[in-house]
Amino acid sequence: MKAHINGTVIAEASKDDLIQIEGNWYFPPSSVKSELLEKSPTPYHCPWKGDTQYFTITVNGQSYPDRAWSYPTPIPSSFDRVGKDYSNYVAFWKEVTVSE
């Protein structure tokens, strides 16, 4: 599976390595091109997953604020609900397309 924006692949991994949570595909940290992401100061706390780290994606000089996010230290009880430890896995939205 690939996460891409305007023809640039941001993340790529086998579907078996991804985790789907609430309709979003989460990519393992090692599959993400971290050089395209910059931490965002945008705060968010999910009541069952914990504090979110948002990222701005920059591709070919264009920035896409808060189009990626992860949970660096999820609430441990959420692992039971998800079925796996998803710490630092990265999900994408809006202009980012995830496809096989």
PDB file of N, CA and C in Angstrom:
ATOM      1  N   MET A   1       0.850  -1.167   0.000  1.00  0.00           N
ATOM      2  CA  MET A   1       0.000   0.000   0.000  1.00  0.00           C
ATOM      3  C   MET A   1       0.900   1.235   0.000  1.00  0.00           C
ATOM      4  N   LYS A   2       0.387   2.276  -0.622  1.00  0.00           N
ATOM      5  CA  LYS A   2       1.148   3.520  -0.721  1.00  0.00           C
ATOM      6  C   LYS A   2       0.289   4.693  -0.272  1.00  0.00           C
ATOM      7  N   ALA A   3       0.932   5.626   0.409  1.00  0.00           N
ATOM      8  CA  ALA A   3       0.319   6.917   0.708  1.00  0.00           C
ATOM      9  C   ALA A   3       1.041   7.910  -0.193  1.00  0.00           C
ATOM     10  N   HIS A   4       0.293   8.634  -1.031  1.00  0.00           N
ATOM     11  CA  HIS A   4       0.938   9.552  -1.961  1.00  0.00           C
ATOM     12  C   HIS A   4       0.128  10.833  -2.114  1.00  0.00           C
ATOM     13  N   ILE A   5       0.866  11.866  -2.500  1.00  0.00           N
ATOM     14  CA  ILE A   5       0.256  13.169  -2.719  1.00  0.00           C
ATOM     15  C   ILE A   5       0.925  13.783  -3.949  1.00  0.00           C
ATOM     16  N   ASN A   6       0.111  14.186  -4.906  1.00  0.00           N
ATOM     17  CA  ASN A   6       0.621  14.783  -6.148  1.00  0.00           C
ATOM     18  C   ASN A   6       1.758  13.969  -6.768  1.00  0.00           C
ATOM     19  N   GLY A   7       1.595  12.641  -6.780  1.00  0.00           N
ATOM     20  CA  GLY A   7       2.574  11.769  -7.420  1.00  0.00           C
ATOM     21  C   GLY A   7       3.784  11.416  -6.576  1.00  0.00           C
ATOM     22  N   THR A   8       3.905  11.978  -5.388  1.00  0.00           N
ATOM     23  CA  THR A   8       5.038  11.681  -4.509  1.00  0.00           C
ATOM     24  C   THR A   8       4.598  10.683  -3.437  1.00  0.00           C
ATOM     25  N   VAL A   9       5.316   9.579  -3.347  1.00  0.00           N
ATOM     26  CA  VAL A   9       5.016   8.575  -2.334  1.00  0.00           C
ATOM     27  C   VAL A   9       5.589   9.036  -0.998  1.00  0.00           C
ATOM     28  N   ILE A  10       4.728   9.062   0.017  1.00  0.00           N
ATOM     29  CA  ILE A  10       5.116   9.492   1.356  1.00  0.00           C
ATOM     30  C   ILE A  10       5.399   8.289   2.246  1.00  0.00           C
ATOM     31  N   ALA A  11       4.661   7.198   2.003  1.00  0.00           N
ATOM     32  CA  ALA A  11       4.828   5.980   2.786  1.00  0.00           C
ATOM     33  C   ALA A  11       4.469   4.793   1.915  1.00  0.00           C
ATOM     34  N   GLU A  12       5.153   3.667   2.158  1.00  0.00           N
ATOM     35  CA  GLU A  12       4.867   2.454   1.393  1.00  0.00           C
ATOM     36  C   GLU A  12       5.185   1.237   2.252  1.00  0.00           C
ATOM     37  N   ALA A  13       4.205   0.331   2.342  1.00  0.00           N
ATOM     38  CA  ALA A  13       4.376  -0.886   3.126  1.00  0.00           C
ATOM     39  C   ALA A  13       3.369  -1.933   2.662  1.00  0.00           C
ATOM     40  N   SER A  14       3.642  -3.164   2.990  1.00  0.00           N
ATOM     41  CA  SER A  14       2.714  -4.251   2.712  1.00  0.00           C
ATOM     42  C   SER A  14       1.425  -4.018   3.506  1.00  0.00           C
ATOM     43  N   LYS A  15       0.298  -4.373   2.919  1.00  0.00           N
ATOM     44  CA  LYS A  15      -0.986  -4.202   3.600  1.00  0.00           C
ATOM     45  C   LYS A  15      -0.992  -4.950   4.936  1.00  0.00           C
ATOM     46  N   ASP A  16      -0.283  -6.070   4.999  1.00  0.00           N
ATOM     47  CA  ASP A  16      -0.199  -6.858   6.230  1.00  0.00           C
ATOM     48  C   ASP A  16       0.507  -6.112   7.352  1.00  0.00           C
ATOM     49  N   ASP A  17       1.334  -5.125   7.000  1.00  0.00           N
ATOM     50  CA  ASP A  17       2.079  -4.361   8.000  1.00  0.00           C
ATOM     51  C   ASP A  17       1.316  -3.125   8.492  1.00  0.00           C
ATOM     52  N   LEU A  18       0.230  -2.779   7.804  1.00  0.00           N
ATOM     53  CA  LEU A  18      -0.565  -1.618   8.179  1.00  0.00           C
ATOM     54  C   LEU A  18      -1.605  -2.003   9.220  1.00  0.00           C
ATOM     55  N   ILE A  19      -2.107  -1.003   9.914  1.00  0.00           N
ATOM     56  CA  ILE A  19      -3.178  -1.200  10.886  1.00  0.00           C
ATOM     57  C   ILE A  19      -4.309  -0.255  10.491  1.00  0.00           C
ATOM     58  N   GLN A  20      -5.526  -0.781  10.459  1.00  0.00           N
ATOM     59  CA  GLN A  20      -6.665   0.078  10.156  1.00  0.00           C
ATOM     60  C   GLN A  20      -7.401   0.406  11.450  1.00  0.00           C
ATOM     61  N   ILE A  21      -7.530   1.709  11.712  1.00  0.00           N
ATOM     62  CA  ILE A  21      -8.223   2.189  12.902  1.00  0.00           C
ATOM     63  C   ILE A  21      -9.237   3.235  12.465  1.00  0.00           C
ATOM     64  N   GLU A  22     -10.481   2.991  12.775  1.00  0.00           N
ATOM     65  CA  GLU A  22     -11.562   3.933  12.461  1.00  0.00           C
ATOM     66  C   GLU A  22     -11.528   4.376  11.001  1.00  0.00           C
ATOM     67  N   GLY A  23     -11.265   3.436  10.099  1.00  0.00           N
ATOM     68  CA  GLY A  23     -11.287   3.729   8.666  1.00  0.00           C
ATOM     69  C   GLY A  23     -10.019   4.342   8.109  1.00  0.00           C
ATOM     70  N   ASN A  24      -9.016   4.572   8.939  1.00  0.00           N
ATOM     71  CA  ASN A  24      -7.742   5.140   8.484  1.00  0.00           C
ATOM     72  C   ASN A  24      -6.656   4.078   8.512  1.00  0.00           C
ATOM     73  N   TRP A  25      -5.813   4.079   7.484  1.00  0.00           N
ATOM     74  CA  TRP A  25      -4.677   3.170   7.433  1.00  0.00           C
ATOM     75  C   TRP A  25      -3.494   3.811   8.130  1.00  0.00           C
ATOM     76  N   TYR A  26      -2.918   3.091   9.063  1.00  0.00           N
ATOM     77  CA  TYR A  26      -1.735   3.549   9.800  1.00  0.00           C
ATOM     78  C   TYR A  26      -0.517   2.781   9.303  1.00  0.00           C
ATOM     79  N   PHE A  27       0.497   3.521   8.848  1.00  0.00           N
ATOM     80  CA  PHE A  27       1.721   2.945   8.299  1.00  0.00           C
ATOM     81  C   PHE A  27       2.782   2.820   9.394  1.00  0.00           C
ATOM     82  N   PRO A  28       3.555   1.727   9.364  1.00  0.00           N
ATOM     83  CA  PRO A  28       4.650   1.597  10.325  1.00  0.00           C
ATOM     84  C   PRO A  28       5.627   2.756  10.163  1.00  0.00           C
ATOM     85  N   PRO A  29       6.223   3.219  11.261  1.00  0.00           N
ATOM     86  CA  PRO A  29       7.133   4.373  11.181  1.00  0.00           C
ATOM     87  C   PRO A  29       8.272   4.170  10.182  1.00  0.00           C
ATOM     88  N   SER A  30       8.790   2.963  10.069  1.00  0.00           N
ATOM     89  CA  SER A  30       9.915   2.706   9.161  1.00  0.00           C
ATOM     90  C   SER A  30       9.531   2.813   7.690  1.00  0.00           C
ATOM     91  N   SER A  31       8.232   2.809   7.385  1.00  0.00           N
ATOM     92  CA  SER A  31       7.779   2.878   5.996  1.00  0.00           C
ATOM     93  C   SER A  31       7.495   4.299   5.529  1.00  0.00           C
ATOM     94  N   VAL A  32       7.617   5.265   6.435  1.00  0.00           N
ATOM     95  CA  VAL A  32       7.271   6.660   6.139  1.00  0.00           C
ATOM     96  C   VAL A  32       8.534   7.454   5.818  1.00  0.00           C
ATOM     97  N   LYS A  33       8.468   8.272   4.779  1.00  0.00           N
ATOM     98  CA  LYS A  33       9.590   9.150   4.423  1.00  0.00           C
ATOM     99  C   LYS A  33       9.564  10.354   5.378  1.00  0.00           C
ATOM    100  N   SER A  34      10.226  10.180   6.505  1.00  0.00           N
ATOM    101  CA  SER A  34      10.160  11.186   7.570  1.00  0.00           C
ATOM    102  C   SER A  34      10.707  12.543   7.148  1.00  0.00           C
ATOM    103  N   GLU A  35      11.564  12.564   6.119  1.00  0.00           N
ATOM    104  CA  GLU A  35      12.098  13.843   5.658  1.00  0.00           C
ATOM    105  C   GLU A  35      11.018  14.736   5.036  1.00  0.00           C
ATOM    106  N   LEU A  36       9.850  14.161   4.711  1.00  0.00           N
ATOM    107  CA  LEU A  36       8.752  14.937   4.141  1.00  0.00           C
ATOM    108  C   LEU A  36       7.782  15.440   5.214  1.00  0.00           C
ATOM    109  N   LEU A  37       8.016  15.032   6.469  1.00  0.00           N
ATOM    110  CA  LEU A  37       7.125  15.401   7.561  1.00  0.00           C
ATOM    111  C   LEU A  37       7.826  16.311   8.566  1.00  0.00           C
ATOM    112  N   GLU A  38       7.081  17.281   9.060  1.00  0.00           N
ATOM    113  CA  GLU A  38       7.583  18.158  10.112  1.00  0.00           C
ATOM    114  C   GLU A  38       6.527  18.208  11.217  1.00  0.00           C
ATOM    115  N   LYS A  39       6.955  18.030  12.447  1.00  0.00           N
ATOM    116  CA  LYS A  39       6.008  18.062  13.566  1.00  0.00           C
ATOM    117  C   LYS A  39       5.237  19.370  13.584  1.00  0.00           C
ATOM    118  N   SER A  40       3.957  19.259  13.859  1.00  0.00           N
ATOM    119  CA  SER A  40       3.065  20.410  13.948  1.00  0.00           C
ATOM    120  C   SER A  40       2.721  20.652  15.418  1.00  0.00           C
ATOM    121  N   PRO A  41       2.494  21.910  15.795  1.00  0.00           N
ATOM    122  CA  PRO A  41       2.117  22.203  17.179  1.00  0.00           C
ATOM    123  C   PRO A  41       0.629  21.962  17.470  1.00  0.00           C
ATOM    124  N   THR A  42      -0.136  21.552  16.463  1.00  0.00           N
ATOM    125  CA  THR A  42      -1.580  21.363  16.648  1.00  0.00           C
ATOM    126  C   THR A  42      -1.858  20.297  17.706  1.00  0.00           C
ATOM    127  N   PRO A  43      -2.592  20.671  18.758  1.00  0.00           N
ATOM    128  CA  PRO A  43      -2.887  19.694  19.805  1.00  0.00           C
ATOM    129  C   PRO A  43      -4.186  18.937  19.541  1.00  0.00           C
ATOM    130  N   TYR A  44      -4.213  17.683  19.968  1.00  0.00           N
ATOM    131  CA  TYR A  44      -5.456  16.909  19.955  1.00  0.00           C
ATOM    132  C   TYR A  44      -5.292  15.743  20.911  1.00  0.00           C
ATOM    133  N   HIS A  45      -6.344  15.439  21.626  1.00  0.00           N
ATOM    134  CA  HIS A  45      -6.344  14.294  22.527  1.00  0.00           C
ATOM    135  C   HIS A  45      -7.564  13.436  22.213  1.00  0.00           C
ATOM    136  N   CYS A  46      -7.324  12.197  21.831  1.00  0.00           N
ATOM    137  CA  CYS A  46      -8.403  11.239  21.609  1.00  0.00           C
ATOM    138  C   CYS A  46      -8.692  10.565  22.950  1.00  0.00           C
ATOM    139  N   PRO A  47      -9.960  10.489  23.342  1.00  0.00           N
ATOM    140  CA  PRO A  47     -10.279   9.924  24.653  1.00  0.00           C
ATOM    141  C   PRO A  47      -9.843   8.467  24.837  1.00  0.00           C
ATOM    142  N   TRP A  48      -9.750   7.715  23.749  1.00  0.00           N
ATOM    143  CA  TRP A  48      -9.359   6.309  23.935  1.00  0.00           C
ATOM    144  C   TRP A  48      -7.975   5.974  23.384  1.00  0.00           C
ATOM    145  N   LYS A  49      -7.413   6.836  22.517  1.00  0.00           N
ATOM    146  CA  LYS A  49      -6.073   6.562  21.975  1.00  0.00           C
ATOM    147  C   LYS A  49      -4.994   7.414  22.644  1.00  0.00           C
ATOM    148  N   GLY A  50      -5.322   8.612  23.062  1.00  0.00           N
ATOM    149  CA  GLY A  50      -4.350   9.474  23.730  1.00  0.00           C
ATOM    150  C   GLY A  50      -3.996  10.711  22.938  1.00  0.00           C
ATOM    151  N   ASP A  51      -2.822  11.279  23.240  1.00  0.00           N
ATOM    152  CA  ASP A  51      -2.375  12.515  22.596  1.00  0.00           C
ATOM    153  C   ASP A  51      -1.836  12.248  21.198  1.00  0.00           C
ATOM    154  N   THR A  52      -2.246  13.100  20.273  1.00  0.00           N
ATOM    155  CA  THR A  52      -1.874  12.981  18.871  1.00  0.00           C
ATOM    156  C   THR A  52      -0.711  13.900  18.543  1.00  0.00           C
ATOM    157  N   GLN A  53       0.179  13.416  17.696  1.00  0.00           N
ATOM    158  CA  GLN A  53       1.224  14.264  17.112  1.00  0.00           C
ATOM    159  C   GLN A  53       0.846  14.470  15.654  1.00  0.00           C
ATOM    160  N   TYR A  54       0.551  15.715  15.281  1.00  0.00           N
ATOM    161  CA  TYR A  54       0.263  16.022  13.881  1.00  0.00           C
ATOM    162  C   TYR A  54       1.547  16.405  13.164  1.00  0.00           C
ATOM    163  N   PHE A  55       1.524  16.255  11.833  1.00  0.00           N
ATOM    164  CA  PHE A  55       2.662  16.597  10.989  1.00  0.00           C
ATOM    165  C   PHE A  55       2.200  17.401   9.786  1.00  0.00           C
ATOM    166  N   THR A  56       3.038  18.340   9.363  1.00  0.00           N
ATOM    167  CA  THR A  56       2.856  19.034   8.092  1.00  0.00           C
ATOM    168  C   THR A  56       3.671  18.259   7.058  1.00  0.00           C
ATOM    169  N   ILE A  57       3.046  17.962   5.935  1.00  0.00           N
ATOM    170  CA  ILE A  57       3.729  17.277   4.833  1.00  0.00           C
ATOM    171  C   ILE A  57       4.187  18.340   3.854  1.00  0.00           C
ATOM    172  N   THR A  58       5.441  18.282   3.436  1.00  0.00           N
ATOM    173  CA  THR A  58       5.941  19.214   2.429  1.00  0.00           C
ATOM    174  C   THR A  58       6.467  18.413   1.247  1.00  0.00           C
ATOM    175  N   VAL A  59       5.867  18.687   0.074  1.00  0.00           N
ATOM    176  CA  VAL A  59       6.227  18.003  -1.168  1.00  0.00           C
ATOM    177  C   VAL A  59       6.403  19.043  -2.263  1.00  0.00           C
ATOM    178  N   ASN A  60       7.549  19.025  -2.903  1.00  0.00           N
ATOM    179  CA  ASN A  60       7.835  19.956  -4.005  1.00  0.00           C
ATOM    180  C   ASN A  60       7.544  21.414  -3.625  1.00  0.00           C
ATOM    181  N   GLY A  61       7.922  21.779  -2.406  1.00  0.00           N
ATOM    182  CA  GLY A  61       7.756  23.155  -1.957  1.00  0.00           C
ATOM    183  C   GLY A  61       6.366  23.516  -1.473  1.00  0.00           C
ATOM    184  N   GLN A  62       5.418  22.605  -1.575  1.00  0.00           N
ATOM    185  CA  GLN A  62       4.059  22.890  -1.108  1.00  0.00           C
ATOM    186  C   GLN A  62       3.823  22.187   0.220  1.00  0.00           C
ATOM    187  N   SER A  63       3.282  22.939   1.184  1.00  0.00           N
ATOM    188  CA  SER A  63       3.020  22.395   2.514  1.00  0.00           C
ATOM    189  C   SER A  63       1.553  22.037   2.686  1.00  0.00           C
ATOM    190  N   TYR A  64       1.341  20.926   3.369  1.00  0.00           N
ATOM    191  CA  TYR A  64       0.006  20.432   3.679  1.00  0.00           C
ATOM    192  C   TYR A  64      -0.071  20.250   5.202  1.00  0.00           C
ATOM    193  N   PRO A  65      -0.516  21.307   5.905  1.00  0.00           N
ATOM    194  CA  PRO A  65      -0.527  21.268   7.369  1.00  0.00           C
ATOM    195  C   PRO A  65      -1.456  20.199   7.935  1.00  0.00           C
ATOM    196  N   ASP A  66      -0.966  19.504   8.921  1.00  0.00           N
ATOM    197  CA  ASP A  66      -1.751  18.537   9.699  1.00  0.00           C
ATOM    198  C   ASP A  66      -2.394  17.441   8.855  1.00  0.00           C
ATOM    199  N   ARG A  67      -1.728  17.043   7.786  1.00  0.00           N
ATOM    200  CA  ARG A  67      -2.282  15.995   6.923  1.00  0.00           C
ATOM    201  C   ARG A  67      -1.806  14.599   7.313  1.00  0.00           C
ATOM    202  N   ALA A  68      -0.950  14.530   8.339  1.00  0.00           N
ATOM    203  CA  ALA A  68      -0.496  13.246   8.869  1.00  0.00           C
ATOM    204  C   ALA A  68      -0.521  13.333  10.390  1.00  0.00           C
ATOM    205  N   TRP A  69      -0.710  12.174  11.027  1.00  0.00           N
ATOM    206  CA  TRP A  69      -0.698  12.157  12.482  1.00  0.00           C
ATOM    207  C   TRP A  69      -0.299  10.784  12.993  1.00  0.00           C
ATOM    208  N   SER A  70       0.120  10.778  14.255  1.00  0.00           N
ATOM    209  CA  SER A  70       0.459   9.528  14.917  1.00  0.00           C
ATOM    210  C   SER A  70       0.178   9.664  16.412  1.00  0.00           C
ATOM    211  N   TYR A  71       0.298   8.551  17.088  1.00  0.00           N
ATOM    212  CA  TYR A  71       0.160   8.506  18.538  1.00  0.00           C
ATOM    213  C   TYR A  71       1.479   7.990  19.099  1.00  0.00           C
ATOM    214  N   PRO A  72       2.374   8.906  19.529  1.00  0.00           N
ATOM    215  CA  PRO A  72       3.685   8.485  20.025  1.00  0.00           C
ATOM    216  C   PRO A  72       3.609   7.578  21.260  1.00  0.00           C
ATOM    217  N   THR A  73       2.689   7.883  22.155  1.00  0.00           N
ATOM    218  CA  THR A  73       2.528   7.071  23.369  1.00  0.00           C
ATOM    219  C   THR A  73       1.029   6.858  23.606  1.00  0.00           C
ATOM    220  N   PRO A  74       0.426   5.931  22.870  1.00  0.00           N
ATOM    221  CA  PRO A  74      -1.010   5.685  23.022  1.00  0.00           C
ATOM    222  C   PRO A  74      -1.362   5.198  24.429  1.00  0.00           C
ATOM    223  N   ILE A  75      -2.609   5.382  24.778  1.00  0.00           N
ATOM    224  CA  ILE A  75      -3.117   4.845  26.034  1.00  0.00           C
ATOM    225  C   ILE A  75      -3.035   3.317  25.925  1.00  0.00           C
ATOM    226  N   PRO A  76      -2.337   2.659  26.851  1.00  0.00           N
ATOM    227  CA  PRO A  76      -2.114   1.208  26.741  1.00  0.00           C
ATOM    228  C   PRO A  76      -3.377   0.363  26.551  1.00  0.00           C
ATOM    229  N   SER A  77      -4.492   0.759  27.155  1.00  0.00           N
ATOM    230  CA  SER A  77      -5.725  -0.030  26.997  1.00  0.00           C
ATOM    231  C   SER A  77      -6.241  -0.005  25.559  1.00  0.00           C
ATOM    232  N   SER A  78      -5.795   0.971  24.755  1.00  0.00           N
ATOM    233  CA  SER A  78      -6.245   1.029  23.353  1.00  0.00           C
ATOM    234  C   SER A  78      -5.652  -0.106  22.522  1.00  0.00           C
ATOM    235  N   PHE A  79      -4.535  -0.684  22.967  1.00  0.00           N
ATOM    236  CA  PHE A  79      -3.933  -1.792  22.226  1.00  0.00           C
ATOM    237  C   PHE A  79      -4.886  -2.983  22.154  1.00  0.00           C
ATOM    238  N   ASP A  80      -5.664  -3.196  23.211  1.00  0.00           N
ATOM    239  CA  ASP A  80      -6.642  -4.293  23.202  1.00  0.00           C
ATOM    240  C   ASP A  80      -7.714  -4.039  22.152  1.00  0.00           C
ATOM    241  N   ARG A  81      -8.148  -2.802  22.045  1.00  0.00           N
ATOM    242  CA  ARG A  81      -9.202  -2.443  21.085  1.00  0.00           C
ATOM    243  C   ARG A  81      -8.696  -2.543  19.649  1.00  0.00           C
ATOM    244  N   VAL A  82      -7.446  -2.126  19.430  1.00  0.00           N
ATOM    245  CA  VAL A  82      -6.858  -2.131  18.090  1.00  0.00           C
ATOM    246  C   VAL A  82      -6.312  -3.518  17.739  1.00  0.00           C
ATOM    247  N   GLY A  83      -5.838  -4.226  18.733  1.00  0.00           N
ATOM    248  CA  GLY A  83      -5.297  -5.554  18.507  1.00  0.00           C
ATOM    249  C   GLY A  83      -3.796  -5.589  18.312  1.00  0.00           C
ATOM    250  N   LYS A  84      -3.152  -4.425  18.460  1.00  0.00           N
ATOM    251  CA  LYS A  84      -1.715  -4.345  18.221  1.00  0.00           C
ATOM    252  C   LYS A  84      -1.191  -3.016  18.768  1.00  0.00           C
ATOM    253  N   ASP A  85       0.084  -2.980  19.087  1.00  0.00           N
ATOM    254  CA  ASP A  85       0.736  -1.725  19.488  1.00  0.00           C
ATOM    255  C   ASP A  85       0.959  -0.889  18.223  1.00  0.00           C
ATOM    256  N   TYR A  86       0.355   0.263  18.166  1.00  0.00           N
ATOM    257  CA  TYR A  86       0.452   1.140  16.987  1.00  0.00           C
ATOM    258  C   TYR A  86       1.223   2.423  17.303  1.00  0.00           C
ATOM    259  N   SER A  87       2.050   2.397  18.324  1.00  0.00           N
ATOM    260  CA  SER A  87       2.847   3.566  18.696  1.00  0.00           C
ATOM    261  C   SER A  87       3.652   4.067  17.502  1.00  0.00           C
ATOM    262  N   ASN A  88       3.546   5.353  17.231  1.00  0.00           N
ATOM    263  CA  ASN A  88       4.271   6.044  16.159  1.00  0.00           C
ATOM    264  C   ASN A  88       3.886   5.630  14.741  1.00  0.00           C
ATOM    265  N   TYR A  89       2.889   4.780  14.568  1.00  0.00           N
ATOM    266  CA  TYR A  89       2.380   4.508  13.222  1.00  0.00           C
ATOM    267  C   TYR A  89       1.771   5.806  12.703  1.00  0.00           C
ATOM    268  N   VAL A  90       1.802   6.025  11.401  1.00  0.00           N
ATOM    269  CA  VAL A  90       1.375   7.303  10.822  1.00  0.00           C
ATOM    270  C   VAL A  90       0.186   7.110   9.888  1.00  0.00           C
ATOM    271  N   ALA A  91      -0.825   7.949  10.064  1.00  0.00           N
ATOM    272  CA  ALA A  91      -2.006   7.960   9.201  1.00  0.00           C
ATOM    273  C   ALA A  91      -2.058   9.291   8.453  1.00  0.00           C
ATOM    274  N   PHE A  92      -2.844   9.309   7.370  1.00  0.00           N
ATOM    275  CA  PHE A  92      -2.917  10.480   6.496  1.00  0.00           C
ATOM    276  C   PHE A  92      -4.363  10.801   6.164  1.00  0.00           C
ATOM    277  N   TRP A  93      -4.613  12.045   5.715  1.00  0.00           N
ATOM    278  CA  TRP A  93      -5.953  12.407   5.283  1.00  0.00           C
ATOM    279  C   TRP A  93      -5.944  13.541   4.268  1.00  0.00           C
ATOM    280  N   LYS A  94      -7.129  13.913   3.837  1.00  0.00           N
ATOM    281  CA  LYS A  94      -7.413  14.935   2.824  1.00  0.00           C
ATOM    282  C   LYS A  94      -6.678  14.678   1.510  1.00  0.00           C
ATOM    283  N   GLU A  95      -5.724  15.499   1.149  1.00  0.00           N
ATOM    284  CA  GLU A  95      -5.084  15.376  -0.175  1.00  0.00           C
ATOM    285  C   GLU A  95      -4.239  14.109  -0.340  1.00  0.00           C
ATOM    286  N   VAL A  96      -3.957  13.415   0.736  1.00  0.00           N
ATOM    287  CA  VAL A  96      -3.140  12.213   0.655  1.00  0.00           C
ATOM    288  C   VAL A  96      -4.024  11.026   0.292  1.00  0.00           C
ATOM    289  N   THR A  97      -3.622  10.313  -0.760  1.00  0.00           N
ATOM    290  CA  THR A  97      -4.354   9.140  -1.206  1.00  0.00           C
ATOM    291  C   THR A  97      -3.631   7.889  -0.739  1.00  0.00           C
ATOM    292  N   VAL A  98      -4.383   6.944  -0.179  1.00  0.00           N
ATOM    293  CA  VAL A  98      -3.811   5.656   0.193  1.00  0.00           C
ATOM    294  C   VAL A  98      -4.410   4.627  -0.753  1.00  0.00           C
ATOM    295  N   SER A  99      -3.534   3.895  -1.448  1.00  0.00           N
ATOM    296  CA  SER A  99      -3.988   2.913  -2.430  1.00  0.00           C
ATOM    297  C   SER A  99      -3.059   1.712  -2.452  1.00  0.00           C
ATOM    298  N   GLU A 100      -3.544   0.652  -3.086  1.00  0.00           N
ATOM    299  CA  GLU A 100      -2.732  -0.571  -3.191  1.00  0.00           C
ATOM    300  C   GLU A 100      -1.764  -0.483  -4.337  1.00  0.00           C
TER     301      GLU A 100
END
